[in-house]
Amino acid sequence: MLGRGLGSEATQLVLEYAFTELGLHRVDLRVLAFNERAIACYTTCGFVIEGRERETALIDGRWHDDVMMSILDHEYHDRYS
């Protein structure tokens, strides 16, 4: 099931709803830094990396960083209009 674009399609649908129906100015998220596929998906959909919080999640005895990403309404409309 990986690599079929379903994550990108779902993300784009959420963004469409957020910016056109709800009229939001900004959508942001946090993703674990090791989740490179998700980061690539969000980047493809227009999200920008804003920063990184170091060692925020303890998983199986190891600390992992969070990557913070966002997209603004004008960035969304420039990309999808």
PDB file of N, CA and C in Angstrom:
ATOM      1  N   MET A   1       0.803  -1.204   0.000  1.00  0.00           N
ATOM      2  CA  MET A   1       0.000   0.000   0.000  1.00  0.00           C
ATOM      3  C   MET A   1       0.847   1.270   0.000  1.00  0.00           C
ATOM      4  N   LEU A   2       2.110   1.181   0.355  1.00  0.00           N
ATOM      5  CA  LEU A   2       2.966   2.367   0.394  1.00  0.00           C
ATOM      6  C   LEU A   2       3.295   2.847  -1.012  1.00  0.00           C
ATOM      7  N   GLY A   3       3.482   4.161  -1.132  1.00  0.00           N
ATOM      8  CA  GLY A   3       3.912   4.725  -2.400  1.00  0.00           C
ATOM      9  C   GLY A   3       2.821   4.962  -3.418  1.00  0.00           C
ATOM     10  N   ARG A   4       1.574   4.898  -2.987  1.00  0.00           N
ATOM     11  CA  ARG A   4       0.462   5.090  -3.925  1.00  0.00           C
ATOM     12  C   ARG A   4      -0.127   6.498  -3.863  1.00  0.00           C
ATOM     13  N   GLY A   5       0.423   7.361  -3.007  1.00  0.00           N
ATOM     14  CA  GLY A   5      -0.054   8.740  -2.930  1.00  0.00           C
ATOM     15  C   GLY A   5      -1.280   8.937  -2.069  1.00  0.00           C
ATOM     16  N   LEU A   6      -1.679   7.919  -1.324  1.00  0.00           N
ATOM     17  CA  LEU A   6      -2.885   8.045  -0.506  1.00  0.00           C
ATOM     18  C   LEU A   6      -2.703   9.048   0.632  1.00  0.00           C
ATOM     19  N   GLY A   7      -1.509   9.088   1.217  1.00  0.00           N
ATOM     20  CA  GLY A   7      -1.237  10.054   2.282  1.00  0.00           C
ATOM     21  C   GLY A   7      -1.292  11.476   1.765  1.00  0.00           C
ATOM     22  N   SER A   8      -0.717  11.707   0.600  1.00  0.00           N
ATOM     23  CA  SER A   8      -0.750  13.044  -0.001  1.00  0.00           C
ATOM     24  C   SER A   8      -2.175  13.449  -0.341  1.00  0.00           C
ATOM     25  N   GLU A   9      -2.935  12.525  -0.883  1.00  0.00           N
ATOM     26  CA  GLU A   9      -4.326  12.826  -1.234  1.00  0.00           C
ATOM     27  C   GLU A   9      -5.138  13.156   0.011  1.00  0.00           C
ATOM     28  N   ALA A  10      -4.983  12.385   1.059  1.00  0.00           N
ATOM     29  CA  ALA A  10      -5.709  12.646   2.304  1.00  0.00           C
ATOM     30  C   ALA A  10      -5.301  13.990   2.901  1.00  0.00           C
ATOM     31  N   THR A  11      -4.009  14.280   2.876  1.00  0.00           N
ATOM     32  CA  THR A  11      -3.525  15.558   3.408  1.00  0.00           C
ATOM     33  C   THR A  11      -4.088  16.721   2.606  1.00  0.00           C
ATOM     34  N   GLN A  12      -4.103  16.602   1.301  1.00  0.00           N
ATOM     35  CA  GLN A  12      -4.654  17.667   0.453  1.00  0.00           C
ATOM     36  C   GLN A  12      -6.142  17.885   0.720  1.00  0.00           C
ATOM     37  N   LEU A  13      -6.883  16.819   0.952  1.00  0.00           N
ATOM     38  CA  LEU A  13      -8.311  16.961   1.270  1.00  0.00           C
ATOM     39  C   LEU A  13      -8.524  17.669   2.605  1.00  0.00           C
ATOM     40  N   VAL A  14      -7.706  17.337   3.585  1.00  0.00           N
ATOM     41  CA  VAL A  14      -7.794  18.015   4.883  1.00  0.00           C
ATOM     42  C   VAL A  14      -7.458  19.493   4.724  1.00  0.00           C
ATOM     43  N   LEU A  15      -6.427  19.801   3.953  1.00  0.00           N
ATOM     44  CA  LEU A  15      -6.053  21.201   3.741  1.00  0.00           C
ATOM     45  C   LEU A  15      -7.137  21.968   3.004  1.00  0.00           C
ATOM     46  N   GLU A  16      -7.730  21.339   2.019  1.00  0.00           N
ATOM     47  CA  GLU A  16      -8.826  21.993   1.288  1.00  0.00           C
ATOM     48  C   GLU A  16      -9.956  22.350   2.247  1.00  0.00           C
ATOM     49  N   TYR A  17     -10.332  21.429   3.089  1.00  0.00           N
ATOM     50  CA  TYR A  17     -11.392  21.680   4.063  1.00  0.00           C
ATOM     51  C   TYR A  17     -10.976  22.777   5.047  1.00  0.00           C
ATOM     52  N   ALA A  18      -9.754  22.708   5.534  1.00  0.00           N
ATOM     53  CA  ALA A  18      -9.274  23.675   6.520  1.00  0.00           C
ATOM     54  C   ALA A  18      -9.267  25.097   5.968  1.00  0.00           C
ATOM     55  N   PHE A  19      -8.811  25.259   4.740  1.00  0.00           N
ATOM     56  CA  PHE A  19      -8.645  26.601   4.195  1.00  0.00           C
ATOM     57  C   PHE A  19      -9.871  27.125   3.447  1.00  0.00           C
ATOM     58  N   THR A  20     -10.652  26.252   2.820  1.00  0.00           N
ATOM     59  CA  THR A  20     -11.806  26.746   2.054  1.00  0.00           C
ATOM     60  C   THR A  20     -13.101  26.702   2.853  1.00  0.00           C
ATOM     61  N   GLU A  21     -13.292  25.672   3.643  1.00  0.00           N
ATOM     62  CA  GLU A  21     -14.538  25.560   4.419  1.00  0.00           C
ATOM     63  C   GLU A  21     -14.432  26.229   5.786  1.00  0.00           C
ATOM     64  N   LEU A  22     -13.341  25.996   6.482  1.00  0.00           N
ATOM     65  CA  LEU A  22     -13.191  26.547   7.832  1.00  0.00           C
ATOM     66  C   LEU A  22     -12.569  27.937   7.838  1.00  0.00           C
ATOM     67  N   GLY A  23     -11.918  28.306   6.754  1.00  0.00           N
ATOM     68  CA  GLY A  23     -11.303  29.629   6.656  1.00  0.00           C
ATOM     69  C   GLY A  23     -10.106  29.820   7.587  1.00  0.00           C
ATOM     70  N   LEU A  24      -9.380  28.740   7.865  1.00  0.00           N
ATOM     71  CA  LEU A  24      -8.222  28.849   8.742  1.00  0.00           C
ATOM     72  C   LEU A  24      -7.096  29.624   8.064  1.00  0.00           C
ATOM     73  N   HIS A  25      -6.262  30.237   8.868  1.00  0.00           N
ATOM     74  CA  HIS A  25      -5.101  30.960   8.358  1.00  0.00           C
ATOM     75  C   HIS A  25      -3.871  30.057   8.308  1.00  0.00           C
ATOM     76  N   ARG A  26      -3.835  29.065   9.207  1.00  0.00           N
ATOM     77  CA  ARG A  26      -2.628  28.264   9.370  1.00  0.00           C
ATOM     78  C   ARG A  26      -2.994  26.853   9.802  1.00  0.00           C
ATOM     79  N   VAL A  27      -2.274  25.884   9.255  1.00  0.00           N
ATOM     80  CA  VAL A  27      -2.366  24.496   9.713  1.00  0.00           C
ATOM     81  C   VAL A  27      -0.938  24.077  10.055  1.00  0.00           C
ATOM     82  N   ASP A  28      -0.766  23.519  11.261  1.00  0.00           N
ATOM     83  CA  ASP A  28       0.569  23.065  11.625  1.00  0.00           C
ATOM     84  C   ASP A  28       0.509  21.655  12.175  1.00  0.00           C
ATOM     85  N   LEU A  29       1.682  21.036  12.234  1.00  0.00           N
ATOM     86  CA  LEU A  29       1.766  19.661  12.712  1.00  0.00           C
ATOM     87  C   LEU A  29       3.146  19.406  13.274  1.00  0.00           C
ATOM     88  N   ARG A  30       3.241  18.306  13.984  1.00  0.00           N
ATOM     89  CA  ARG A  30       4.511  17.774  14.481  1.00  0.00           C
ATOM     90  C   ARG A  30       4.621  16.350  13.978  1.00  0.00           C
ATOM     91  N   VAL A  31       5.811  15.977  13.584  1.00  0.00           N
ATOM     92  CA  VAL A  31       6.051  14.622  13.086  1.00  0.00           C
ATOM     93  C   VAL A  31       7.398  14.159  13.631  1.00  0.00           C
ATOM     94  N   LEU A  32       7.485  12.892  13.982  1.00  0.00           N
ATOM     95  CA  LEU A  32       8.751  12.369  14.466  1.00  0.00           C
ATOM     96  C   LEU A  32       9.797  12.434  13.350  1.00  0.00           C
ATOM     97  N   ALA A  33      10.982  12.880  13.698  1.00  0.00           N
ATOM     98  CA  ALA A  33      12.022  13.134  12.699  1.00  0.00           C
ATOM     99  C   ALA A  33      12.407  11.891  11.903  1.00  0.00           C
ATOM    100  N   PHE A  34      12.277  10.721  12.510  1.00  0.00           N
ATOM    101  CA  PHE A  34      12.649   9.509  11.766  1.00  0.00           C
ATOM    102  C   PHE A  34      11.604   9.105  10.731  1.00  0.00           C
ATOM    103  N   ASN A  35      10.450   9.746  10.739  1.00  0.00           N
ATOM    104  CA  ASN A  35       9.379   9.418   9.800  1.00  0.00           C
ATOM    105  C   ASN A  35       9.580  10.202   8.499  1.00  0.00           C
ATOM    106  N   GLU A  36      10.585   9.812   7.759  1.00  0.00           N
ATOM    107  CA  GLU A  36      10.973  10.534   6.545  1.00  0.00           C
ATOM    108  C   GLU A  36       9.896  10.501   5.466  1.00  0.00           C
ATOM    109  N   ARG A  37       9.144   9.414   5.385  1.00  0.00           N
ATOM    110  CA  ARG A  37       8.067   9.325   4.384  1.00  0.00           C
ATOM    111  C   ARG A  37       6.986  10.375   4.666  1.00  0.00           C
ATOM    112  N   ALA A  38       6.633  10.534   5.931  1.00  0.00           N
ATOM    113  CA  ALA A  38       5.617  11.527   6.289  1.00  0.00           C
ATOM    114  C   ALA A  38       6.122  12.938   6.016  1.00  0.00           C
ATOM    115  N   ILE A  39       7.368  13.212   6.374  1.00  0.00           N
ATOM    116  CA  ILE A  39       7.939  14.539   6.127  1.00  0.00           C
ATOM    117  C   ILE A  39       7.946  14.836   4.634  1.00  0.00           C
ATOM    118  N   ALA A  40       8.295  13.867   3.828  1.00  0.00           N
ATOM    119  CA  ALA A  40       8.279  14.046   2.367  1.00  0.00           C
ATOM    120  C   ALA A  40       6.860  14.303   1.868  1.00  0.00           C
ATOM    121  N   CYS A  41       5.898  13.577   2.397  1.00  0.00           N
ATOM    122  CA  CYS A  41       4.493  13.766   2.014  1.00  0.00           C
ATOM    123  C   CYS A  41       4.032  15.179   2.350  1.00  0.00           C
ATOM    124  N   TYR A  42       4.297  15.614   3.569  1.00  0.00           N
ATOM    125  CA  TYR A  42       3.866  16.953   3.992  1.00  0.00           C
ATOM    126  C   TYR A  42       4.561  18.034   3.176  1.00  0.00           C
ATOM    127  N   THR A  43       5.829  17.838   2.875  1.00  0.00           N
ATOM    128  CA  THR A  43       6.556  18.810   2.050  1.00  0.00           C
ATOM    129  C   THR A  43       5.947  18.890   0.656  1.00  0.00           C
ATOM    130  N   THR A  44       5.621  17.744   0.088  1.00  0.00           N
ATOM    131  CA  THR A  44       4.975  17.697  -1.223  1.00  0.00           C
ATOM    132  C   THR A  44       3.652  18.462  -1.220  1.00  0.00           C
ATOM    133  N   CYS A  45       2.946  18.412  -0.101  1.00  0.00           N
ATOM    134  CA  CYS A  45       1.645  19.082   0.023  1.00  0.00           C
ATOM    135  C   CYS A  45       1.772  20.563   0.373  1.00  0.00           C
ATOM    136  N   GLY A  46       2.999  21.060   0.545  1.00  0.00           N
ATOM    137  CA  GLY A  46       3.203  22.487   0.755  1.00  0.00           C
ATOM    138  C   GLY A  46       3.620  22.903   2.151  1.00  0.00           C
ATOM    139  N   PHE A  47       3.724  21.952   3.071  1.00  0.00           N
ATOM    140  CA  PHE A  47       4.168  22.294   4.417  1.00  0.00           C
ATOM    141  C   PHE A  47       5.643  22.698   4.396  1.00  0.00           C
ATOM    142  N   VAL A  48       6.004  23.594   5.300  1.00  0.00           N
ATOM    143  CA  VAL A  48       7.369  24.086   5.438  1.00  0.00           C
ATOM    144  C   VAL A  48       7.871  23.690   6.825  1.00  0.00           C
ATOM    145  N   ILE A  49       9.109  23.232   6.894  1.00  0.00           N
ATOM    146  CA  ILE A  49       9.698  22.911   8.192  1.00  0.00           C
ATOM    147  C   ILE A  49      10.023  24.205   8.920  1.00  0.00           C
ATOM    148  N   GLU A  50       9.487  24.325  10.130  1.00  0.00           N
ATOM    149  CA  GLU A  50       9.720  25.526  10.933  1.00  0.00           C
ATOM    150  C   GLU A  50      10.780  25.311  12.000  1.00  0.00           C
ATOM    151  N   GLY A  51      10.947  24.082  12.415  1.00  0.00           N
ATOM    152  CA  GLY A  51      11.929  23.844  13.463  1.00  0.00           C
ATOM    153  C   GLY A  51      11.937  22.397  13.901  1.00  0.00           C
ATOM    154  N   ARG A  52      12.756  22.164  14.903  1.00  0.00           N
ATOM    155  CA  ARG A  52      12.949  20.817  15.414  1.00  0.00           C
ATOM    156  C   ARG A  52      13.060  20.924  16.927  1.00  0.00           C
ATOM    157  N   GLU A  53      12.319  20.083  17.625  1.00  0.00           N
ATOM    158  CA  GLU A  53      12.460  19.978  19.073  1.00  0.00           C
ATOM    159  C   GLU A  53      13.217  18.689  19.353  1.00  0.00           C
ATOM    160  N   ARG A  54      14.306  18.841  20.050  1.00  0.00           N
ATOM    161  CA  ARG A  54      15.188  17.708  20.272  1.00  0.00           C
ATOM    162  C   ARG A  54      14.695  16.817  21.402  1.00  0.00           C
ATOM    163  N   GLU A  55      14.773  15.519  21.165  1.00  0.00           N
ATOM    164  CA  GLU A  55      14.497  14.484  22.148  1.00  0.00           C
ATOM    165  C   GLU A  55      13.199  14.718  22.932  1.00  0.00           C
ATOM    166  N   THR A  56      12.107  14.775  22.202  1.00  0.00           N
ATOM    167  CA  THR A  56      10.798  15.028  22.813  1.00  0.00           C
ATOM    168  C   THR A  56       9.965  13.774  23.010  1.00  0.00           C
ATOM    169  N   ALA A  57      10.317  12.699  22.328  1.00  0.00           N
ATOM    170  CA  ALA A  57       9.507  11.482  22.403  1.00  0.00           C
ATOM    171  C   ALA A  57      10.389  10.290  22.774  1.00  0.00           C
ATOM    172  N   LEU A  58      10.026   9.623  23.847  1.00  0.00           N
ATOM    173  CA  LEU A  58      10.747   8.432  24.278  1.00  0.00           C
ATOM    174  C   LEU A  58      10.005   7.209  23.739  1.00  0.00           C
ATOM    175  N   ILE A  59      10.644   6.515  22.804  1.00  0.00           N
ATOM    176  CA  ILE A  59      10.032   5.357  22.154  1.00  0.00           C
ATOM    177  C   ILE A  59      11.003   4.185  22.262  1.00  0.00           C
ATOM    178  N   ASP A  60      10.535   3.118  22.882  1.00  0.00           N
ATOM    179  CA  ASP A  60      11.352   1.912  23.054  1.00  0.00           C
ATOM    180  C   ASP A  60      12.724   2.224  23.655  1.00  0.00           C
ATOM    181  N   GLY A  61      12.727   3.115  24.633  1.00  0.00           N
ATOM    182  CA  GLY A  61      13.956   3.429  25.346  1.00  0.00           C
ATOM    183  C   GLY A  61      14.899   4.386  24.637  1.00  0.00           C
ATOM    184  N   ARG A  62      14.473   4.938  23.501  1.00  0.00           N
ATOM    185  CA  ARG A  62      15.307   5.887  22.757  1.00  0.00           C
ATOM    186  C   ARG A  62      14.566   7.205  22.603  1.00  0.00           C
ATOM    187  N   TRP A  63      15.295   8.301  22.706  1.00  0.00           N
ATOM    188  CA  TRP A  63      14.710   9.624  22.510  1.00  0.00           C
ATOM    189  C   TRP A  63      14.750  10.000  21.031  1.00  0.00           C
ATOM    190  N   HIS A  64      13.670  10.627  20.570  1.00  0.00           N
ATOM    191  CA  HIS A  64      13.555  11.051  19.169  1.00  0.00           C
ATOM    192  C   HIS A  64      13.109  12.509  19.108  1.00  0.00           C
ATOM    193  N   ASP A  65      13.536  13.173  18.039  1.00  0.00           N
ATOM    194  CA  ASP A  65      13.175  14.574  17.816  1.00  0.00           C
ATOM    195  C   ASP A  65      11.816  14.676  17.134  1.00  0.00           C
ATOM    196  N   ASP A  66      11.166  15.825  17.350  1.00  0.00           N
ATOM    197  CA  ASP A  66       9.962  16.198  16.616  1.00  0.00           C
ATOM    198  C   ASP A  66      10.328  17.277  15.602  1.00  0.00           C
ATOM    199  N   VAL A  67       9.759  17.198  14.412  1.00  0.00           N
ATOM    200  CA  VAL A  67       9.893  18.240  13.403  1.00  0.00           C
ATOM    201  C   VAL A  67       8.553  18.974  13.351  1.00  0.00           C
ATOM    202  N   MET A  68       8.615  20.291  13.436  1.00  0.00           N
ATOM    203  CA  MET A  68       7.404  21.117  13.377  1.00  0.00           C
ATOM    204  C   MET A  68       7.282  21.692  11.966  1.00  0.00           C
ATOM    205  N   MET A  69       6.087  21.564  11.394  1.00  0.00           N
ATOM    206  CA  MET A  69       5.836  22.011  10.029  1.00  0.00           C
ATOM    207  C   MET A  69       4.532  22.789   9.989  1.00  0.00           C
ATOM    208  N   SER A  70       4.405  23.688   8.988  1.00  0.00           N
ATOM    209  CA  SER A  70       3.146  24.417   8.829  1.00  0.00           C
ATOM    210  C   SER A  70       2.955  24.817   7.373  1.00  0.00           C
ATOM    211  N   ILE A  71       1.718  25.193   7.088  1.00  0.00           N
ATOM    212  CA  ILE A  71       1.358  25.792   5.803  1.00  0.00           C
ATOM    213  C   ILE A  71       0.354  26.902   6.102  1.00  0.00           C
ATOM    214  N   LEU A  72       0.503  28.030   5.419  1.00  0.00           N
ATOM    215  CA  LEU A  72      -0.379  29.179   5.598  1.00  0.00           C
ATOM    216  C   LEU A  72      -1.400  29.234   4.467  1.00  0.00           C
ATOM    217  N   ASP A  73      -2.493  29.949   4.718  1.00  0.00           N
ATOM    218  CA  ASP A  73      -3.576  29.979   3.729  1.00  0.00           C
ATOM    219  C   ASP A  73      -3.116  30.483   2.367  1.00  0.00           C
ATOM    220  N   HIS A  74      -2.302  31.545   2.327  1.00  0.00           N
ATOM    221  CA  HIS A  74      -1.871  32.063   1.023  1.00  0.00           C
ATOM    222  C   HIS A  74      -0.925  31.096   0.324  1.00  0.00           C
ATOM    223  N   GLU A  75      -0.153  30.315   1.081  1.00  0.00           N
ATOM    224  CA  GLU A  75       0.704  29.304   0.467  1.00  0.00           C
ATOM    225  C   GLU A  75      -0.146  28.202  -0.153  1.00  0.00           C
ATOM    226  N   TYR A  76      -1.194  27.814   0.570  1.00  0.00           N
ATOM    227  CA  TYR A  76      -2.122  26.792   0.058  1.00  0.00           C
ATOM    228  C   TYR A  76      -2.789  27.286  -1.231  1.00  0.00           C
ATOM    229  N   HIS A  77      -3.333  28.514  -1.196  1.00  0.00           N
ATOM    230  CA  HIS A  77      -4.056  29.031  -2.363  1.00  0.00           C
ATOM    231  C   HIS A  77      -3.119  29.253  -3.556  1.00  0.00           C
ATOM    232  N   ASP A  78      -1.886  29.675  -3.317  1.00  0.00           N
ATOM    233  CA  ASP A  78      -0.918  29.820  -4.412  1.00  0.00           C
ATOM    234  C   ASP A  78      -0.612  28.468  -5.057  1.00  0.00           C
ATOM    235  N   ARG A  79      -0.567  27.430  -4.242  1.00  0.00           N
ATOM    236  CA  ARG A  79      -0.208  26.098  -4.725  1.00  0.00           C
ATOM    237  C   ARG A  79      -1.374  25.408  -5.431  1.00  0.00           C
ATOM    238  N   TYR A  80      -2.589  25.548  -4.910  1.00  0.00           N
ATOM    239  CA  TYR A  80      -3.717  24.743  -5.387  1.00  0.00           C
ATOM    240  C   TYR A  80      -4.786  25.528  -6.163  1.00  0.00           C
ATOM    241  N   SER A  81      -4.519  26.788  -6.431  1.00  0.00           N
ATOM    242  CA  SER A  81      -5.524  27.567  -7.200  1.00  0.00           C
ATOM    243  C   SER A  81      -5.169  27.656  -8.655  1.00  0.00           C
TER     244      SER A  81
END
